[in-house]
N, C-alpha and C. Protein backbone atom coordinates (compact mmCIF):
# COMPACT_ATOMS: atom_id res chain seq x y z
N MET A 1 162.44 158.44 -80.74
CA MET A 1 161.06 158.52 -80.28
C MET A 1 161.06 159.22 -78.93
N GLU A 2 160.20 160.21 -78.78
CA GLU A 2 160.06 160.92 -77.51
C GLU A 2 158.77 160.48 -76.83
N TYR A 3 158.86 160.16 -75.55
CA TYR A 3 157.70 159.78 -74.74
C TYR A 3 157.45 160.93 -73.78
N ARG A 4 156.25 161.52 -73.87
CA ARG A 4 155.97 162.71 -73.07
C ARG A 4 154.48 162.80 -72.79
N ARG A 5 154.14 163.68 -71.86
CA ARG A 5 152.73 163.91 -71.56
C ARG A 5 152.07 164.57 -72.77
N ALA A 6 150.84 164.19 -73.01
CA ALA A 6 150.09 164.78 -74.12
C ALA A 6 149.74 166.23 -73.80
N THR A 7 149.67 167.04 -74.85
CA THR A 7 149.24 168.43 -74.74
C THR A 7 148.04 168.63 -75.67
N PRO A 8 147.30 169.72 -75.51
CA PRO A 8 146.18 169.98 -76.40
C PRO A 8 146.58 169.99 -77.89
N MET A 9 147.81 170.32 -78.19
CA MET A 9 148.27 170.34 -79.58
C MET A 9 148.33 168.93 -80.20
N ASP A 10 148.29 167.90 -79.36
CA ASP A 10 148.39 166.51 -79.83
C ASP A 10 147.05 165.89 -80.19
N VAL A 11 145.96 166.59 -79.92
CA VAL A 11 144.65 165.96 -79.99
C VAL A 11 144.33 165.39 -81.38
N ASP A 12 144.67 166.09 -82.43
CA ASP A 12 144.35 165.57 -83.78
C ASP A 12 145.15 164.31 -84.09
N GLY A 13 146.42 164.28 -83.71
CA GLY A 13 147.23 163.09 -83.92
C GLY A 13 146.73 161.90 -83.12
N ILE A 14 146.32 162.15 -81.89
CA ILE A 14 145.76 161.09 -81.04
C ILE A 14 144.48 160.56 -81.67
N TYR A 15 143.64 161.46 -82.11
CA TYR A 15 142.38 161.05 -82.75
C TYR A 15 142.64 160.20 -83.99
N GLU A 16 143.60 160.58 -84.80
CA GLU A 16 143.93 159.81 -86.01
C GLU A 16 144.38 158.39 -85.66
N VAL A 17 145.22 158.26 -84.63
CA VAL A 17 145.66 156.94 -84.20
C VAL A 17 144.48 156.13 -83.68
N ALA A 18 143.61 156.77 -82.89
CA ALA A 18 142.46 156.07 -82.31
C ALA A 18 141.51 155.56 -83.39
N VAL A 19 141.22 156.39 -84.37
CA VAL A 19 140.32 155.97 -85.45
C VAL A 19 140.94 154.82 -86.23
N ALA A 20 142.23 154.92 -86.53
CA ALA A 20 142.92 153.88 -87.30
C ALA A 20 142.96 152.55 -86.55
N ARG A 21 142.85 152.58 -85.22
CA ARG A 21 142.88 151.36 -84.41
C ARG A 21 141.50 150.98 -83.88
N SER A 22 140.46 151.67 -84.32
CA SER A 22 139.12 151.33 -83.83
C SER A 22 138.63 150.05 -84.50
N ARG A 23 137.96 149.24 -83.72
CA ARG A 23 137.44 147.97 -84.22
C ARG A 23 136.56 148.19 -85.44
N GLU A 24 135.69 149.18 -85.35
CA GLU A 24 134.75 149.47 -86.44
C GLU A 24 135.50 149.80 -87.73
N TYR A 25 136.48 150.70 -87.66
CA TYR A 25 137.25 151.09 -88.84
C TYR A 25 138.03 149.91 -89.42
N LEU A 26 138.64 149.13 -88.55
CA LEU A 26 139.44 148.00 -89.02
C LEU A 26 138.58 146.95 -89.71
N LEU A 27 137.39 146.69 -89.16
CA LEU A 27 136.49 145.73 -89.81
C LEU A 27 136.03 146.23 -91.17
N LYS A 28 135.72 147.53 -91.26
CA LYS A 28 135.32 148.11 -92.56
C LYS A 28 136.47 148.08 -93.56
N SER A 29 137.70 148.08 -93.05
CA SER A 29 138.88 148.06 -93.93
C SER A 29 139.30 146.65 -94.33
N GLY A 30 138.51 145.65 -93.94
CA GLY A 30 138.78 144.29 -94.37
C GLY A 30 139.42 143.38 -93.34
N ALA A 31 139.68 143.87 -92.14
CA ALA A 31 140.25 143.02 -91.10
C ALA A 31 139.20 142.00 -90.65
N ASN A 32 139.66 140.88 -90.16
CA ASN A 32 138.75 139.90 -89.57
C ASN A 32 139.03 139.82 -88.07
N GLU A 33 138.18 139.09 -87.36
CA GLU A 33 138.30 139.03 -85.90
C GLU A 33 139.66 138.47 -85.47
N GLU A 34 140.19 137.52 -86.22
CA GLU A 34 141.49 136.94 -85.86
C GLU A 34 142.62 137.97 -85.96
N SER A 35 142.61 138.75 -87.03
CA SER A 35 143.66 139.77 -87.17
C SER A 35 143.49 140.88 -86.14
N LEU A 36 142.24 141.22 -85.81
CA LEU A 36 142.01 142.21 -84.75
C LEU A 36 142.60 141.73 -83.43
N SER A 37 142.38 140.50 -83.11
CA SER A 37 142.89 139.92 -81.87
C SER A 37 144.41 140.00 -81.82
N ARG A 38 145.03 139.69 -82.93
CA ARG A 38 146.50 139.64 -83.02
C ARG A 38 147.14 141.03 -82.95
N THR A 39 146.53 142.01 -83.62
CA THR A 39 147.16 143.33 -83.74
C THR A 39 146.62 144.36 -82.76
N GLY A 40 145.49 144.10 -82.14
CA GLY A 40 144.90 145.02 -81.17
C GLY A 40 143.88 145.95 -81.80
N PHE A 41 142.98 146.46 -80.96
CA PHE A 41 141.90 147.33 -81.43
C PHE A 41 141.35 148.12 -80.26
N LEU A 42 140.68 149.23 -80.58
CA LEU A 42 139.98 150.04 -79.59
C LEU A 42 138.48 149.84 -79.78
N LEU A 43 137.77 149.68 -78.69
CA LEU A 43 136.32 149.56 -78.76
C LEU A 43 135.63 150.91 -78.70
N TYR A 44 136.22 151.87 -78.00
CA TYR A 44 135.57 153.15 -77.75
C TYR A 44 136.44 154.34 -78.15
N PRO A 45 136.70 154.56 -79.43
CA PRO A 45 137.43 155.79 -79.76
C PRO A 45 136.54 157.00 -79.44
N LEU A 46 137.16 158.06 -78.98
CA LEU A 46 136.42 159.27 -78.61
C LEU A 46 136.47 160.29 -79.73
N ALA A 47 135.73 161.37 -79.57
CA ALA A 47 135.85 162.51 -80.48
C ALA A 47 137.16 163.22 -80.19
N ALA A 48 137.62 164.03 -81.12
CA ALA A 48 138.86 164.77 -80.90
C ALA A 48 138.67 165.85 -79.84
N SER A 49 137.78 166.81 -80.11
CA SER A 49 137.64 167.92 -79.18
C SER A 49 136.22 168.48 -79.10
N GLU A 50 135.23 167.81 -79.68
CA GLU A 50 133.86 168.30 -79.64
C GLU A 50 133.39 168.41 -78.19
N PRO A 51 132.99 169.58 -77.74
CA PRO A 51 132.69 169.79 -76.32
C PRO A 51 131.47 169.04 -75.79
N ASN A 52 130.55 168.64 -76.65
CA ASN A 52 129.33 167.96 -76.19
C ASN A 52 129.40 166.45 -76.34
N LYS A 53 130.60 165.93 -76.59
CA LYS A 53 130.80 164.49 -76.73
C LYS A 53 132.01 164.09 -75.90
N PRO A 54 132.07 162.82 -75.47
CA PRO A 54 133.30 162.36 -74.84
C PRO A 54 134.46 162.60 -75.80
N ASN A 55 135.51 163.29 -75.32
CA ASN A 55 136.57 163.68 -76.24
C ASN A 55 137.95 163.59 -75.60
N TYR A 56 138.96 163.49 -76.46
CA TYR A 56 140.34 163.38 -75.99
C TYR A 56 140.84 164.69 -75.38
N LEU A 57 140.43 165.82 -75.90
CA LEU A 57 140.93 167.09 -75.40
C LEU A 57 140.63 167.28 -73.92
N GLU A 58 139.42 167.02 -73.49
CA GLU A 58 139.07 167.16 -72.08
C GLU A 58 139.94 166.25 -71.22
N ARG A 59 140.20 165.06 -71.67
CA ARG A 59 140.97 164.09 -70.90
C ARG A 59 142.45 164.48 -70.83
N ILE A 60 142.97 165.05 -71.91
CA ILE A 60 144.34 165.57 -71.87
C ILE A 60 144.44 166.67 -70.82
N ASN A 61 143.47 167.55 -70.79
CA ASN A 61 143.49 168.68 -69.86
C ASN A 61 143.29 168.26 -68.41
N LEU A 62 142.61 167.15 -68.18
CA LEU A 62 142.32 166.71 -66.81
C LEU A 62 143.36 165.78 -66.20
N SER A 63 144.12 165.09 -67.02
CA SER A 63 144.97 164.03 -66.51
C SER A 63 146.46 164.33 -66.70
N GLN A 64 147.22 164.00 -65.68
CA GLN A 64 148.68 164.04 -65.78
C GLN A 64 149.22 162.72 -66.33
N ASN A 65 148.31 161.82 -66.68
CA ASN A 65 148.69 160.47 -67.09
C ASN A 65 148.23 160.11 -68.50
N PHE A 66 148.18 161.10 -69.36
CA PHE A 66 147.88 160.89 -70.77
C PHE A 66 149.19 161.13 -71.50
N TRP A 67 149.75 160.08 -72.07
CA TRP A 67 151.10 160.14 -72.66
C TRP A 67 151.06 159.82 -74.15
N VAL A 68 152.03 160.35 -74.87
CA VAL A 68 152.16 160.07 -76.30
C VAL A 68 153.59 159.67 -76.62
N ALA A 69 153.72 158.96 -77.74
CA ALA A 69 155.02 158.68 -78.35
C ALA A 69 155.04 159.50 -79.63
N GLU A 70 156.00 160.42 -79.72
CA GLU A 70 156.03 161.37 -80.83
C GLU A 70 157.42 161.37 -81.45
N GLU A 71 157.43 161.48 -82.76
CA GLU A 71 158.70 161.59 -83.48
C GLU A 71 158.49 162.49 -84.69
N ALA A 72 159.36 163.46 -84.83
CA ALA A 72 159.32 164.39 -85.96
C ALA A 72 157.94 165.03 -86.11
N GLY A 73 157.32 165.38 -84.98
CA GLY A 73 156.03 166.05 -85.01
C GLY A 73 154.84 165.16 -85.25
N GLU A 74 155.03 163.86 -85.32
CA GLU A 74 153.93 162.92 -85.58
C GLU A 74 153.68 162.05 -84.36
N ILE A 75 152.41 161.91 -83.98
CA ILE A 75 152.02 161.03 -82.88
C ILE A 75 151.97 159.61 -83.42
N HIS A 76 152.79 158.73 -82.83
CA HIS A 76 152.84 157.33 -83.25
C HIS A 76 152.03 156.42 -82.35
N ALA A 77 151.82 156.85 -81.09
CA ALA A 77 151.07 156.02 -80.15
C ALA A 77 150.65 156.90 -78.98
N PHE A 78 149.66 156.41 -78.24
CA PHE A 78 149.24 157.13 -77.03
C PHE A 78 148.77 156.14 -75.98
N LEU A 79 148.84 156.58 -74.73
CA LEU A 79 148.31 155.85 -73.59
C LEU A 79 147.48 156.83 -72.78
N MET A 80 146.17 156.61 -72.76
CA MET A 80 145.25 157.46 -72.03
C MET A 80 144.94 156.78 -70.70
N ALA A 81 145.39 157.39 -69.62
CA ALA A 81 145.15 156.85 -68.28
C ALA A 81 144.84 158.01 -67.35
N TYR A 82 144.17 157.71 -66.27
CA TYR A 82 143.89 158.71 -65.25
C TYR A 82 143.56 158.01 -63.96
N THR A 83 143.71 158.74 -62.86
CA THR A 83 143.29 158.17 -61.58
C THR A 83 141.76 158.11 -61.58
N LEU A 84 141.22 157.28 -60.71
CA LEU A 84 139.77 157.22 -60.61
C LEU A 84 139.21 158.58 -60.17
N HIS A 85 139.98 159.30 -59.34
CA HIS A 85 139.56 160.64 -58.94
C HIS A 85 139.51 161.58 -60.16
N GLU A 86 140.54 161.54 -61.01
CA GLU A 86 140.52 162.36 -62.23
C GLU A 86 139.35 161.98 -63.12
N MET A 87 139.04 160.71 -63.17
CA MET A 87 137.94 160.23 -64.00
C MET A 87 136.61 160.81 -63.55
N LEU A 88 136.46 160.99 -62.25
CA LEU A 88 135.23 161.60 -61.73
C LEU A 88 135.03 163.02 -62.28
N GLN A 89 136.12 163.71 -62.58
CA GLN A 89 136.06 165.11 -63.03
C GLN A 89 135.65 165.24 -64.51
N ILE A 90 135.69 164.16 -65.26
CA ILE A 90 135.34 164.22 -66.68
C ILE A 90 133.87 164.59 -66.82
N THR A 91 133.58 165.63 -67.60
CA THR A 91 132.19 166.05 -67.76
C THR A 91 131.47 165.27 -68.85
N GLN A 92 132.18 164.84 -69.87
CA GLN A 92 131.58 164.09 -70.98
C GLN A 92 132.02 162.63 -70.88
N LYS A 93 131.37 161.88 -70.00
CA LYS A 93 131.72 160.49 -69.78
C LYS A 93 131.01 159.57 -70.77
N THR A 94 131.69 158.48 -71.14
CA THR A 94 131.06 157.43 -71.93
C THR A 94 130.31 156.50 -70.97
N ASP A 95 129.48 155.63 -71.52
CA ASP A 95 128.84 154.61 -70.69
C ASP A 95 129.90 153.74 -70.03
N ASN A 96 131.00 153.47 -70.76
CA ASN A 96 132.08 152.67 -70.20
C ASN A 96 132.73 153.39 -69.01
N ASP A 97 132.95 154.71 -69.13
CA ASP A 97 133.50 155.48 -68.01
C ASP A 97 132.61 155.32 -66.76
N GLN A 98 131.31 155.48 -66.96
CA GLN A 98 130.36 155.36 -65.84
C GLN A 98 130.45 153.97 -65.20
N GLY A 99 130.54 152.95 -66.06
CA GLY A 99 130.64 151.58 -65.56
C GLY A 99 131.93 151.33 -64.80
N VAL A 100 133.03 151.88 -65.28
CA VAL A 100 134.33 151.74 -64.60
C VAL A 100 134.26 152.37 -63.21
N LEU A 101 133.74 153.58 -63.14
CA LEU A 101 133.65 154.26 -61.85
C LEU A 101 132.73 153.51 -60.88
N ALA A 102 131.58 153.08 -61.36
CA ALA A 102 130.64 152.37 -60.49
C ALA A 102 131.25 151.07 -59.98
N TYR A 103 131.96 150.37 -60.84
CA TYR A 103 132.52 149.07 -60.47
C TYR A 103 133.74 149.20 -59.57
N PHE A 104 134.75 149.95 -60.02
CA PHE A 104 136.02 149.98 -59.29
C PHE A 104 135.99 150.91 -58.07
N LEU A 105 135.32 152.03 -58.19
CA LEU A 105 135.31 153.00 -57.09
C LEU A 105 134.20 152.70 -56.09
N ASP A 106 132.99 152.52 -56.58
CA ASP A 106 131.84 152.34 -55.70
C ASP A 106 131.69 150.90 -55.19
N GLU A 107 131.75 149.93 -56.10
CA GLU A 107 131.50 148.55 -55.70
C GLU A 107 132.72 147.88 -55.05
N LEU A 108 133.89 147.96 -55.71
CA LEU A 108 135.08 147.30 -55.17
C LEU A 108 135.87 148.17 -54.21
N ARG A 109 135.56 149.47 -54.17
CA ARG A 109 136.21 150.41 -53.26
C ARG A 109 137.73 150.54 -53.49
N PHE A 110 138.13 150.56 -54.76
CA PHE A 110 139.53 150.86 -55.07
C PHE A 110 139.82 152.28 -54.61
N ALA A 111 141.06 152.55 -54.25
CA ALA A 111 141.45 153.89 -53.82
C ALA A 111 141.27 154.89 -54.96
N PRO A 112 140.82 156.12 -54.67
CA PRO A 112 140.62 157.12 -55.72
C PRO A 112 141.89 157.45 -56.51
N ASP A 113 143.07 157.23 -55.89
CA ASP A 113 144.31 157.53 -56.62
C ASP A 113 144.83 156.34 -57.41
N THR A 114 144.03 155.27 -57.52
CA THR A 114 144.38 154.14 -58.39
C THR A 114 144.37 154.63 -59.83
N LEU A 115 145.37 154.24 -60.57
CA LEU A 115 145.50 154.65 -61.97
C LEU A 115 144.77 153.64 -62.85
N TYR A 116 143.95 154.15 -63.76
CA TYR A 116 143.19 153.29 -64.68
C TYR A 116 143.68 153.56 -66.11
N GLY A 117 144.20 152.53 -66.76
CA GLY A 117 144.62 152.63 -68.15
C GLY A 117 143.43 152.39 -69.06
N MET A 118 142.93 153.45 -69.67
CA MET A 118 141.70 153.34 -70.47
C MET A 118 141.96 152.91 -71.91
N GLN A 119 142.91 153.53 -72.58
CA GLN A 119 143.17 153.20 -73.98
C GLN A 119 144.67 153.28 -74.24
N ILE A 120 145.14 152.34 -75.06
CA ILE A 120 146.50 152.42 -75.58
C ILE A 120 146.42 151.99 -77.04
N ALA A 121 147.08 152.74 -77.89
CA ALA A 121 147.03 152.43 -79.32
C ALA A 121 148.30 152.90 -80.01
N ARG A 122 148.68 152.16 -81.03
CA ARG A 122 149.84 152.49 -81.85
C ARG A 122 149.35 152.64 -83.28
N SER A 123 149.83 153.65 -83.96
CA SER A 123 149.46 153.86 -85.35
C SER A 123 149.86 152.65 -86.18
N PRO A 124 149.00 152.23 -87.10
CA PRO A 124 149.36 151.10 -87.96
C PRO A 124 150.59 151.38 -88.82
N THR A 125 150.91 152.65 -89.03
CA THR A 125 152.09 152.99 -89.85
C THR A 125 153.37 153.08 -89.03
N CYS A 126 153.27 152.99 -87.72
CA CYS A 126 154.46 153.06 -86.86
C CYS A 126 155.25 151.77 -86.98
N ARG A 127 156.52 151.90 -87.29
CA ARG A 127 157.38 150.73 -87.48
C ARG A 127 158.29 150.48 -86.28
N HIS A 128 158.13 151.27 -85.23
CA HIS A 128 158.97 151.11 -84.04
C HIS A 128 158.40 150.02 -83.15
N SER A 129 159.10 148.91 -83.04
CA SER A 129 158.64 147.87 -82.13
C SER A 129 158.90 148.34 -80.70
N GLY A 130 158.03 147.97 -79.81
CA GLY A 130 158.21 148.32 -78.41
C GLY A 130 157.69 149.67 -77.99
N VAL A 131 157.05 150.41 -78.89
CA VAL A 131 156.59 151.75 -78.54
C VAL A 131 155.51 151.72 -77.46
N THR A 132 154.60 150.76 -77.50
CA THR A 132 153.56 150.70 -76.47
C THR A 132 154.14 150.20 -75.14
N VAL A 133 155.10 149.28 -75.20
CA VAL A 133 155.77 148.84 -73.96
C VAL A 133 156.45 150.04 -73.31
N ALA A 134 157.14 150.85 -74.11
CA ALA A 134 157.83 152.03 -73.57
C ALA A 134 156.83 153.02 -72.95
N LEU A 135 155.66 153.18 -73.56
CA LEU A 135 154.64 154.06 -72.98
C LEU A 135 154.18 153.55 -71.61
N VAL A 136 153.90 152.26 -71.52
CA VAL A 136 153.46 151.68 -70.25
C VAL A 136 154.57 151.83 -69.20
N GLU A 137 155.80 151.50 -69.57
CA GLU A 137 156.91 151.61 -68.61
C GLU A 137 157.13 153.07 -68.18
N THR A 138 156.94 154.00 -69.08
CA THR A 138 157.09 155.42 -68.75
C THR A 138 156.05 155.86 -67.74
N ILE A 139 154.80 155.53 -67.99
CA ILE A 139 153.74 155.95 -67.05
C ILE A 139 153.91 155.27 -65.70
N LEU A 140 154.35 154.02 -65.69
CA LEU A 140 154.56 153.34 -64.42
C LEU A 140 155.69 154.00 -63.63
N SER A 141 156.78 154.33 -64.31
CA SER A 141 157.91 154.94 -63.60
C SER A 141 157.56 156.33 -63.06
N HIS A 142 156.71 157.06 -63.77
CA HIS A 142 156.30 158.39 -63.31
C HIS A 142 155.28 158.34 -62.17
N ASN A 143 154.74 157.18 -61.89
CA ASN A 143 153.73 157.05 -60.84
C ASN A 143 154.19 156.25 -59.63
N LEU A 144 155.44 155.80 -59.63
CA LEU A 144 155.95 155.06 -58.47
C LEU A 144 155.82 155.91 -57.22
N GLY A 145 155.22 155.34 -56.18
CA GLY A 145 155.06 156.06 -54.93
C GLY A 145 153.92 157.07 -54.92
N GLN A 146 153.25 157.25 -56.04
CA GLN A 146 152.17 158.23 -56.11
C GLN A 146 150.79 157.58 -56.20
N THR A 147 150.74 156.34 -56.59
CA THR A 147 149.48 155.62 -56.72
C THR A 147 149.71 154.18 -56.27
N PRO A 148 148.70 153.55 -55.66
CA PRO A 148 148.92 152.19 -55.17
C PRO A 148 149.04 151.15 -56.28
N ALA A 149 148.36 151.40 -57.40
CA ALA A 149 148.34 150.40 -58.46
C ALA A 149 147.83 151.02 -59.76
N MET A 150 148.11 150.31 -60.84
CA MET A 150 147.50 150.65 -62.12
C MET A 150 146.67 149.45 -62.54
N ILE A 151 145.45 149.74 -62.98
CA ILE A 151 144.56 148.68 -63.46
C ILE A 151 144.16 148.99 -64.90
N GLY A 152 143.74 147.96 -65.58
CA GLY A 152 143.22 148.12 -66.92
C GLY A 152 142.35 146.93 -67.27
N GLU A 153 141.46 147.14 -68.20
CA GLU A 153 140.60 146.06 -68.65
C GLU A 153 140.88 145.80 -70.12
N ILE A 154 140.92 144.52 -70.46
CA ILE A 154 141.20 144.12 -71.84
C ILE A 154 140.12 143.17 -72.30
N ALA A 155 139.61 143.42 -73.51
CA ALA A 155 138.57 142.57 -74.08
C ALA A 155 139.04 141.12 -74.15
N GLN A 156 138.18 140.22 -73.66
CA GLN A 156 138.48 138.78 -73.69
C GLN A 156 137.46 138.01 -74.52
N ALA A 157 136.23 138.53 -74.64
CA ALA A 157 135.20 137.88 -75.44
C ALA A 157 134.14 138.92 -75.76
N PRO A 158 133.52 138.88 -76.91
CA PRO A 158 133.57 137.79 -77.88
C PRO A 158 134.88 137.72 -78.67
N VAL A 159 135.65 138.81 -78.71
CA VAL A 159 136.96 138.78 -79.35
C VAL A 159 137.99 139.14 -78.30
N LYS A 160 139.02 138.33 -78.19
CA LYS A 160 140.09 138.59 -77.22
C LYS A 160 141.13 139.50 -77.86
N ASN A 161 141.48 140.56 -77.16
CA ASN A 161 142.52 141.47 -77.61
C ASN A 161 143.86 140.89 -77.16
N GLU A 162 144.41 139.98 -77.97
CA GLU A 162 145.67 139.31 -77.64
C GLU A 162 146.82 140.30 -77.54
N ALA A 163 146.84 141.30 -78.42
CA ALA A 163 147.94 142.26 -78.42
C ALA A 163 148.01 143.00 -77.09
N SER A 164 146.89 143.49 -76.60
CA SER A 164 146.89 144.21 -75.32
C SER A 164 147.16 143.27 -74.15
N THR A 165 146.65 142.06 -74.22
CA THR A 165 146.91 141.08 -73.17
C THR A 165 148.41 140.82 -73.07
N ARG A 166 149.07 140.60 -74.22
CA ARG A 166 150.53 140.38 -74.22
C ARG A 166 151.27 141.60 -73.68
N LEU A 167 150.82 142.78 -74.07
CA LEU A 167 151.45 144.02 -73.61
C LEU A 167 151.39 144.12 -72.09
N PHE A 168 150.22 143.95 -71.52
CA PHE A 168 150.08 144.07 -70.07
C PHE A 168 150.89 142.99 -69.36
N GLU A 169 150.84 141.76 -69.85
CA GLU A 169 151.60 140.69 -69.21
C GLU A 169 153.10 140.94 -69.29
N SER A 170 153.57 141.46 -70.43
CA SER A 170 155.01 141.69 -70.60
C SER A 170 155.53 142.84 -69.74
N THR A 171 154.63 143.70 -69.26
CA THR A 171 155.04 144.81 -68.42
C THR A 171 154.71 144.57 -66.94
N GLY A 172 154.44 143.32 -66.59
CA GLY A 172 154.29 142.94 -65.19
C GLY A 172 152.90 142.98 -64.61
N PHE A 173 151.89 143.20 -65.43
CA PHE A 173 150.52 143.16 -64.93
C PHE A 173 150.09 141.70 -64.78
N ARG A 174 149.17 141.47 -63.86
CA ARG A 174 148.63 140.11 -63.71
C ARG A 174 147.10 140.18 -63.81
N LEU A 175 146.55 139.13 -64.36
CA LEU A 175 145.10 139.03 -64.49
C LEU A 175 144.51 138.72 -63.12
N LEU A 176 143.63 139.60 -62.64
CA LEU A 176 142.96 139.38 -61.35
C LEU A 176 141.71 138.53 -61.51
N PHE A 177 140.85 138.92 -62.46
CA PHE A 177 139.59 138.22 -62.68
C PHE A 177 138.98 138.73 -63.98
N HIS A 178 137.89 138.11 -64.36
CA HIS A 178 137.11 138.53 -65.53
C HIS A 178 135.81 139.17 -65.03
N ARG A 179 135.30 140.10 -65.83
CA ARG A 179 133.98 140.66 -65.49
C ARG A 179 133.18 140.88 -66.76
N ALA A 180 131.87 140.68 -66.63
CA ALA A 180 130.95 140.88 -67.74
C ALA A 180 130.69 142.37 -67.89
N LYS A 181 130.57 142.80 -69.14
CA LYS A 181 130.30 144.21 -69.45
C LYS A 181 129.22 144.28 -70.52
N ASP A 182 128.68 145.48 -70.70
CA ASP A 182 127.66 145.72 -71.73
C ASP A 182 126.53 144.70 -71.66
N ASN A 183 125.94 144.61 -70.47
CA ASN A 183 124.81 143.70 -70.22
C ASN A 183 125.15 142.25 -70.55
N GLY A 184 126.38 141.86 -70.29
CA GLY A 184 126.80 140.48 -70.48
C GLY A 184 127.21 140.12 -71.89
N THR A 185 127.22 141.07 -72.80
CA THR A 185 127.59 140.76 -74.19
C THR A 185 129.11 140.71 -74.39
N ARG A 186 129.86 141.28 -73.44
CA ARG A 186 131.32 141.26 -73.53
C ARG A 186 131.90 140.80 -72.21
N LEU A 187 133.11 140.25 -72.30
CA LEU A 187 133.85 139.85 -71.12
C LEU A 187 135.20 140.54 -71.17
N SER A 188 135.58 141.17 -70.06
CA SER A 188 136.90 141.80 -70.02
C SER A 188 137.72 141.17 -68.92
N GLY A 189 139.03 141.17 -69.14
CA GLY A 189 139.96 140.74 -68.11
C GLY A 189 140.44 141.96 -67.35
N VAL A 190 140.43 141.89 -66.03
CA VAL A 190 140.91 142.98 -65.21
C VAL A 190 142.35 142.66 -64.82
N PHE A 191 143.27 143.52 -65.28
CA PHE A 191 144.70 143.35 -65.03
C PHE A 191 145.16 144.42 -64.05
N VAL A 192 146.13 144.07 -63.19
CA VAL A 192 146.62 145.01 -62.19
C VAL A 192 148.14 144.88 -62.04
N LYS A 193 148.74 146.01 -61.74
CA LYS A 193 150.15 146.03 -61.35
C LYS A 193 150.26 146.95 -60.14
N THR A 194 150.79 146.40 -59.06
CA THR A 194 151.00 147.19 -57.85
C THR A 194 152.25 148.03 -58.04
N LEU A 195 152.17 149.30 -57.63
CA LEU A 195 153.32 150.20 -57.78
C LEU A 195 153.96 150.50 -56.44
């Protein structure tokens, strides 16, 4: 398995992994909330490269912190992260992007070079255990001394993303606090690791 920065050529593979791990797709495929919690899910998969929608291609081009796990030409997992400063440069922002910037940059005054882990996902067909841990460890090692911390938010309610919570805890992140999102309909845990 090779862990490397994403390139524009990876966008279709990233999109396939994201759709396969989206909460909506998994529920339509027969998963229940308990299995989603156990195996992990994405709430906000993006478009692949459509220029008028939030998309993975723009984020690959803007961030030095978008990584993939690839083997034999196939994307098995990805970690989409960027500094808050890089996030400001995104032209096609989601409502979640806007909320992250308003909360962490404007309200809490986190440093602009703080790294924000937005999405991590592993293909359901990937049989390599530890691939997401390796992605997190890779991005952390490449950012030592370059950013004060990496933060991420993980769904805690109405469905808790146990898989992502375990991943962040196993790689040294600690839960700082919980915050309400989407007009109070969701609760996320804010995790941080100082670098």
